[in-house]
């Protein structure tokens, strides 16, 4: 699905990274947002190479990967929230 926003075409695409080079994407991208994907791949560096190959020379990429620190923070925050909730209702 694509939309135009302020004269800019925005393409929303759901695909495996492996299949991206095979799709007709209409050219390279100025910006790629990749959330929670790379850390699930057997070779994350190959996925990153694929994504960066789809960028324009001045393009940018936003990545979000889950790490041990994420889980530690999440569970610590969750525990603190539960304690606050039980104390203050």
N, C-alpha and C. Protein backbone atom coordinates (compact mmCIF):
# COMPACT_ATOMS: atom_id res chain seq x y z
N UNK A 1 0.85 -1.16 0.00
CA UNK A 1 0.00 0.00 0.00
C UNK A 1 0.90 1.23 0.00
N UNK A 2 0.56 2.21 -0.78
CA UNK A 2 1.31 3.47 -0.73
C UNK A 2 0.34 4.64 -0.63
N UNK A 3 0.82 5.68 0.01
CA UNK A 3 0.05 6.90 0.16
C UNK A 3 0.96 8.07 -0.18
N UNK A 4 0.37 9.21 -0.44
CA UNK A 4 1.14 10.42 -0.65
C UNK A 4 0.88 11.35 0.53
N UNK A 5 1.96 11.88 1.10
CA UNK A 5 1.86 12.78 2.23
C UNK A 5 2.77 13.97 1.94
N UNK A 6 2.23 15.14 1.85
CA UNK A 6 3.00 16.35 1.53
C UNK A 6 3.82 16.17 0.26
N UNK A 7 3.23 15.50 -0.73
CA UNK A 7 3.91 15.30 -2.00
C UNK A 7 4.96 14.20 -2.01
N UNK A 8 5.05 13.46 -0.92
CA UNK A 8 6.03 12.38 -0.82
C UNK A 8 5.29 11.05 -0.84
N UNK A 9 5.76 10.15 -1.67
CA UNK A 9 5.15 8.82 -1.73
C UNK A 9 5.71 7.97 -0.59
N UNK A 10 4.80 7.40 0.20
CA UNK A 10 5.17 6.53 1.31
C UNK A 10 4.65 5.13 1.00
N UNK A 11 5.56 4.17 0.95
CA UNK A 11 5.21 2.79 0.65
C UNK A 11 5.27 1.97 1.92
N UNK A 12 4.16 1.34 2.27
CA UNK A 12 4.12 0.42 3.40
C UNK A 12 4.21 -0.99 2.82
N UNK A 13 5.20 -1.73 3.27
CA UNK A 13 5.47 -3.03 2.67
C UNK A 13 5.71 -4.05 3.77
N UNK A 14 5.02 -5.16 3.66
CA UNK A 14 5.26 -6.27 4.57
C UNK A 14 5.83 -7.42 3.73
N UNK A 15 7.04 -7.81 4.04
CA UNK A 15 7.73 -8.82 3.24
C UNK A 15 8.86 -9.42 4.05
N UNK A 16 9.35 -10.56 3.61
CA UNK A 16 10.58 -11.06 4.20
C UNK A 16 11.74 -10.28 3.60
N UNK A 17 12.79 -10.10 4.34
CA UNK A 17 13.96 -9.39 3.81
C UNK A 17 14.52 -10.14 2.61
N UNK A 18 14.49 -11.44 2.67
CA UNK A 18 15.01 -12.27 1.59
C UNK A 18 14.31 -11.99 0.26
N UNK A 19 13.02 -11.68 0.31
CA UNK A 19 12.24 -11.46 -0.91
C UNK A 19 12.29 -10.02 -1.43
N UNK A 20 12.78 -9.09 -0.66
CA UNK A 20 12.75 -7.68 -1.07
C UNK A 20 13.45 -7.42 -2.40
N UNK A 21 14.67 -7.94 -2.63
CA UNK A 21 15.33 -7.64 -3.91
C UNK A 21 14.57 -8.19 -5.12
N UNK A 22 13.69 -9.15 -4.93
CA UNK A 22 12.95 -9.75 -6.03
C UNK A 22 11.69 -8.96 -6.38
N UNK A 23 11.28 -8.06 -5.53
CA UNK A 23 10.05 -7.30 -5.74
C UNK A 23 10.33 -6.05 -6.59
N UNK A 24 9.33 -5.64 -7.34
CA UNK A 24 9.43 -4.39 -8.08
C UNK A 24 9.03 -3.27 -7.13
N UNK A 25 10.01 -2.63 -6.54
CA UNK A 25 9.75 -1.62 -5.52
C UNK A 25 9.73 -0.21 -6.08
N UNK A 26 9.98 -0.07 -7.37
CA UNK A 26 9.93 1.26 -7.99
C UNK A 26 11.14 2.11 -7.70
N UNK A 27 12.26 1.51 -7.38
CA UNK A 27 13.48 2.27 -7.11
C UNK A 27 13.93 2.11 -5.67
N UNK A 28 14.97 2.84 -5.34
CA UNK A 28 15.52 2.76 -3.99
C UNK A 28 14.79 3.73 -3.06
N UNK A 29 15.04 3.58 -1.77
CA UNK A 29 14.31 4.31 -0.74
C UNK A 29 15.18 5.37 -0.08
N UNK A 30 14.54 6.45 0.32
CA UNK A 30 15.22 7.50 1.09
C UNK A 30 15.26 7.14 2.57
N UNK A 31 14.33 6.31 2.99
CA UNK A 31 14.25 5.95 4.41
C UNK A 31 13.62 4.56 4.54
N UNK A 32 14.22 3.73 5.38
CA UNK A 32 13.67 2.40 5.68
C UNK A 32 13.53 2.29 7.19
N UNK A 33 12.38 1.80 7.64
CA UNK A 33 12.13 1.58 9.06
C UNK A 33 11.99 0.07 9.26
N UNK A 34 12.91 -0.53 9.99
CA UNK A 34 12.92 -1.97 10.21
C UNK A 34 12.81 -2.21 11.72
N UNK A 35 11.68 -2.75 12.14
CA UNK A 35 11.40 -2.89 13.57
C UNK A 35 11.28 -4.36 13.96
N UNK A 36 12.17 -4.80 14.84
CA UNK A 36 12.07 -6.13 15.43
C UNK A 36 12.24 -7.28 14.46
N UNK A 37 13.13 -7.15 13.48
CA UNK A 37 13.29 -8.19 12.47
C UNK A 37 14.68 -8.82 12.49
N UNK A 38 15.70 -7.99 12.42
CA UNK A 38 17.05 -8.49 12.18
C UNK A 38 17.53 -9.51 13.20
N UNK A 39 17.17 -9.35 14.45
CA UNK A 39 17.67 -10.26 15.48
C UNK A 39 17.05 -11.66 15.37
N UNK A 40 16.04 -11.82 14.53
CA UNK A 40 15.43 -13.14 14.32
C UNK A 40 16.08 -13.91 13.17
N UNK A 41 16.90 -13.24 12.39
CA UNK A 41 17.52 -13.88 11.23
C UNK A 41 18.72 -14.72 11.64
N UNK A 42 18.97 -15.83 10.92
CA UNK A 42 20.17 -16.63 11.22
C UNK A 42 21.46 -15.84 11.00
N UNK A 43 21.44 -14.93 10.00
CA UNK A 43 22.60 -14.06 9.73
C UNK A 43 22.11 -12.62 9.61
N UNK A 44 21.97 -11.93 10.74
CA UNK A 44 21.44 -10.57 10.71
C UNK A 44 22.22 -9.62 9.80
N UNK A 45 23.53 -9.82 9.70
CA UNK A 45 24.35 -8.93 8.87
C UNK A 45 23.94 -9.03 7.40
N UNK A 46 23.48 -10.19 6.95
CA UNK A 46 23.01 -10.34 5.57
C UNK A 46 21.71 -9.56 5.36
N UNK A 47 20.84 -9.59 6.33
CA UNK A 47 19.61 -8.81 6.25
C UNK A 47 19.89 -7.32 6.20
N UNK A 48 20.85 -6.88 7.02
CA UNK A 48 21.23 -5.47 7.02
C UNK A 48 21.83 -5.07 5.68
N UNK A 49 22.65 -5.94 5.09
CA UNK A 49 23.22 -5.66 3.77
C UNK A 49 22.12 -5.50 2.73
N UNK A 50 21.12 -6.37 2.79
CA UNK A 50 20.01 -6.29 1.85
C UNK A 50 19.27 -4.96 2.00
N UNK A 51 18.96 -4.59 3.23
CA UNK A 51 18.25 -3.33 3.46
C UNK A 51 19.05 -2.13 2.98
N UNK A 52 20.33 -2.09 3.31
CA UNK A 52 21.14 -0.94 2.91
C UNK A 52 21.32 -0.88 1.40
N UNK A 53 21.26 -2.02 0.72
CA UNK A 53 21.38 -2.01 -0.74
C UNK A 53 20.15 -1.38 -1.39
N UNK A 54 19.05 -1.26 -0.65
CA UNK A 54 17.82 -0.67 -1.17
C UNK A 54 17.71 0.82 -0.89
N UNK A 55 18.71 1.40 -0.22
CA UNK A 55 18.69 2.82 0.10
C UNK A 55 19.30 3.66 -1.02
N UNK A 56 18.81 4.89 -1.15
CA UNK A 56 19.46 5.85 -2.03
C UNK A 56 20.80 6.22 -1.39
N UNK A 57 21.73 6.81 -2.16
CA UNK A 57 23.04 7.16 -1.57
C UNK A 57 22.95 8.04 -0.32
N UNK A 58 21.95 8.91 -0.25
CA UNK A 58 21.81 9.76 0.93
C UNK A 58 20.68 9.29 1.85
N UNK A 59 20.25 8.04 1.67
CA UNK A 59 19.14 7.49 2.46
C UNK A 59 19.54 7.13 3.88
N UNK A 60 18.53 6.88 4.69
CA UNK A 60 18.76 6.52 6.09
C UNK A 60 17.92 5.32 6.48
N UNK A 61 18.33 4.67 7.55
CA UNK A 61 17.62 3.49 8.02
C UNK A 61 17.45 3.59 9.53
N UNK A 62 16.29 3.18 10.00
CA UNK A 62 16.02 3.12 11.43
C UNK A 62 15.85 1.65 11.79
N UNK A 63 16.61 1.20 12.77
CA UNK A 63 16.56 -0.19 13.18
C UNK A 63 16.16 -0.29 14.64
N UNK A 64 15.36 -1.30 14.95
CA UNK A 64 15.05 -1.62 16.33
C UNK A 64 15.28 -3.11 16.48
N UNK A 65 16.18 -3.45 17.36
CA UNK A 65 16.44 -4.86 17.65
C UNK A 65 16.27 -5.07 19.14
N UNK A 66 15.86 -6.25 19.49
CA UNK A 66 15.67 -6.59 20.90
C UNK A 66 16.99 -7.15 21.42
N UNK A 67 17.34 -6.74 22.61
CA UNK A 67 18.58 -7.23 23.21
C UNK A 67 18.31 -7.63 24.66
N UNK A 68 19.30 -8.18 25.28
CA UNK A 68 19.20 -8.56 26.68
C UNK A 68 18.84 -7.35 27.54
N UNK A 69 19.43 -6.18 27.21
CA UNK A 69 19.15 -4.98 27.99
C UNK A 69 17.69 -4.57 27.87
N UNK A 70 17.10 -4.78 26.70
CA UNK A 70 15.69 -4.48 26.52
C UNK A 70 14.85 -5.31 27.47
N UNK A 71 15.12 -6.62 27.51
CA UNK A 71 14.33 -7.49 28.38
C UNK A 71 14.55 -7.16 29.85
N UNK A 72 15.78 -6.86 30.24
CA UNK A 72 16.03 -6.49 31.63
C UNK A 72 15.26 -5.23 31.99
N UNK A 73 15.30 -4.21 31.13
CA UNK A 73 14.58 -2.98 31.38
C UNK A 73 13.07 -3.23 31.41
N UNK A 74 12.57 -4.00 30.44
CA UNK A 74 11.14 -4.26 30.35
C UNK A 74 10.63 -4.94 31.62
N UNK A 75 11.31 -5.99 32.07
CA UNK A 75 10.84 -6.72 33.24
C UNK A 75 11.02 -5.92 34.52
N UNK A 76 12.09 -5.13 34.60
CA UNK A 76 12.27 -4.26 35.76
C UNK A 76 11.15 -3.22 35.81
N UNK A 77 10.87 -2.59 34.68
CA UNK A 77 9.79 -1.60 34.61
C UNK A 77 8.46 -2.24 34.94
N UNK A 78 8.20 -3.43 34.39
CA UNK A 78 6.95 -4.13 34.65
C UNK A 78 6.80 -4.45 36.14
N UNK A 79 7.88 -4.94 36.77
CA UNK A 79 7.84 -5.23 38.20
C UNK A 79 7.57 -3.97 39.02
N UNK A 80 8.23 -2.87 38.68
CA UNK A 80 8.01 -1.63 39.41
C UNK A 80 6.58 -1.13 39.23
N UNK A 81 6.04 -1.27 38.03
CA UNK A 81 4.67 -0.86 37.76
C UNK A 81 3.70 -1.69 38.59
N UNK A 82 3.95 -2.99 38.69
CA UNK A 82 3.06 -3.86 39.47
C UNK A 82 3.13 -3.50 40.96
N UNK A 83 4.33 -3.20 41.45
CA UNK A 83 4.47 -2.82 42.86
C UNK A 83 3.72 -1.52 43.11
N UNK A 84 3.91 -0.52 42.24
CA UNK A 84 3.21 0.76 42.40
C UNK A 84 1.70 0.56 42.33
N UNK A 85 1.27 -0.26 41.40
CA UNK A 85 -0.16 -0.50 41.24
C UNK A 85 -0.73 -1.16 42.48
N UNK A 86 0.00 -2.11 43.08
CA UNK A 86 -0.51 -2.78 44.26
C UNK A 86 -0.50 -1.86 45.49
N UNK A 87 0.45 -0.93 45.56
CA UNK A 87 0.52 -0.02 46.69
C UNK A 87 -0.49 1.12 46.59
N UNK A 88 -0.65 1.64 45.37
CA UNK A 88 -1.47 2.86 45.20
C UNK A 88 -2.78 2.61 44.47
N UNK A 89 -3.03 1.35 44.08
CA UNK A 89 -4.28 1.00 43.44
C UNK A 89 -4.44 1.62 42.13
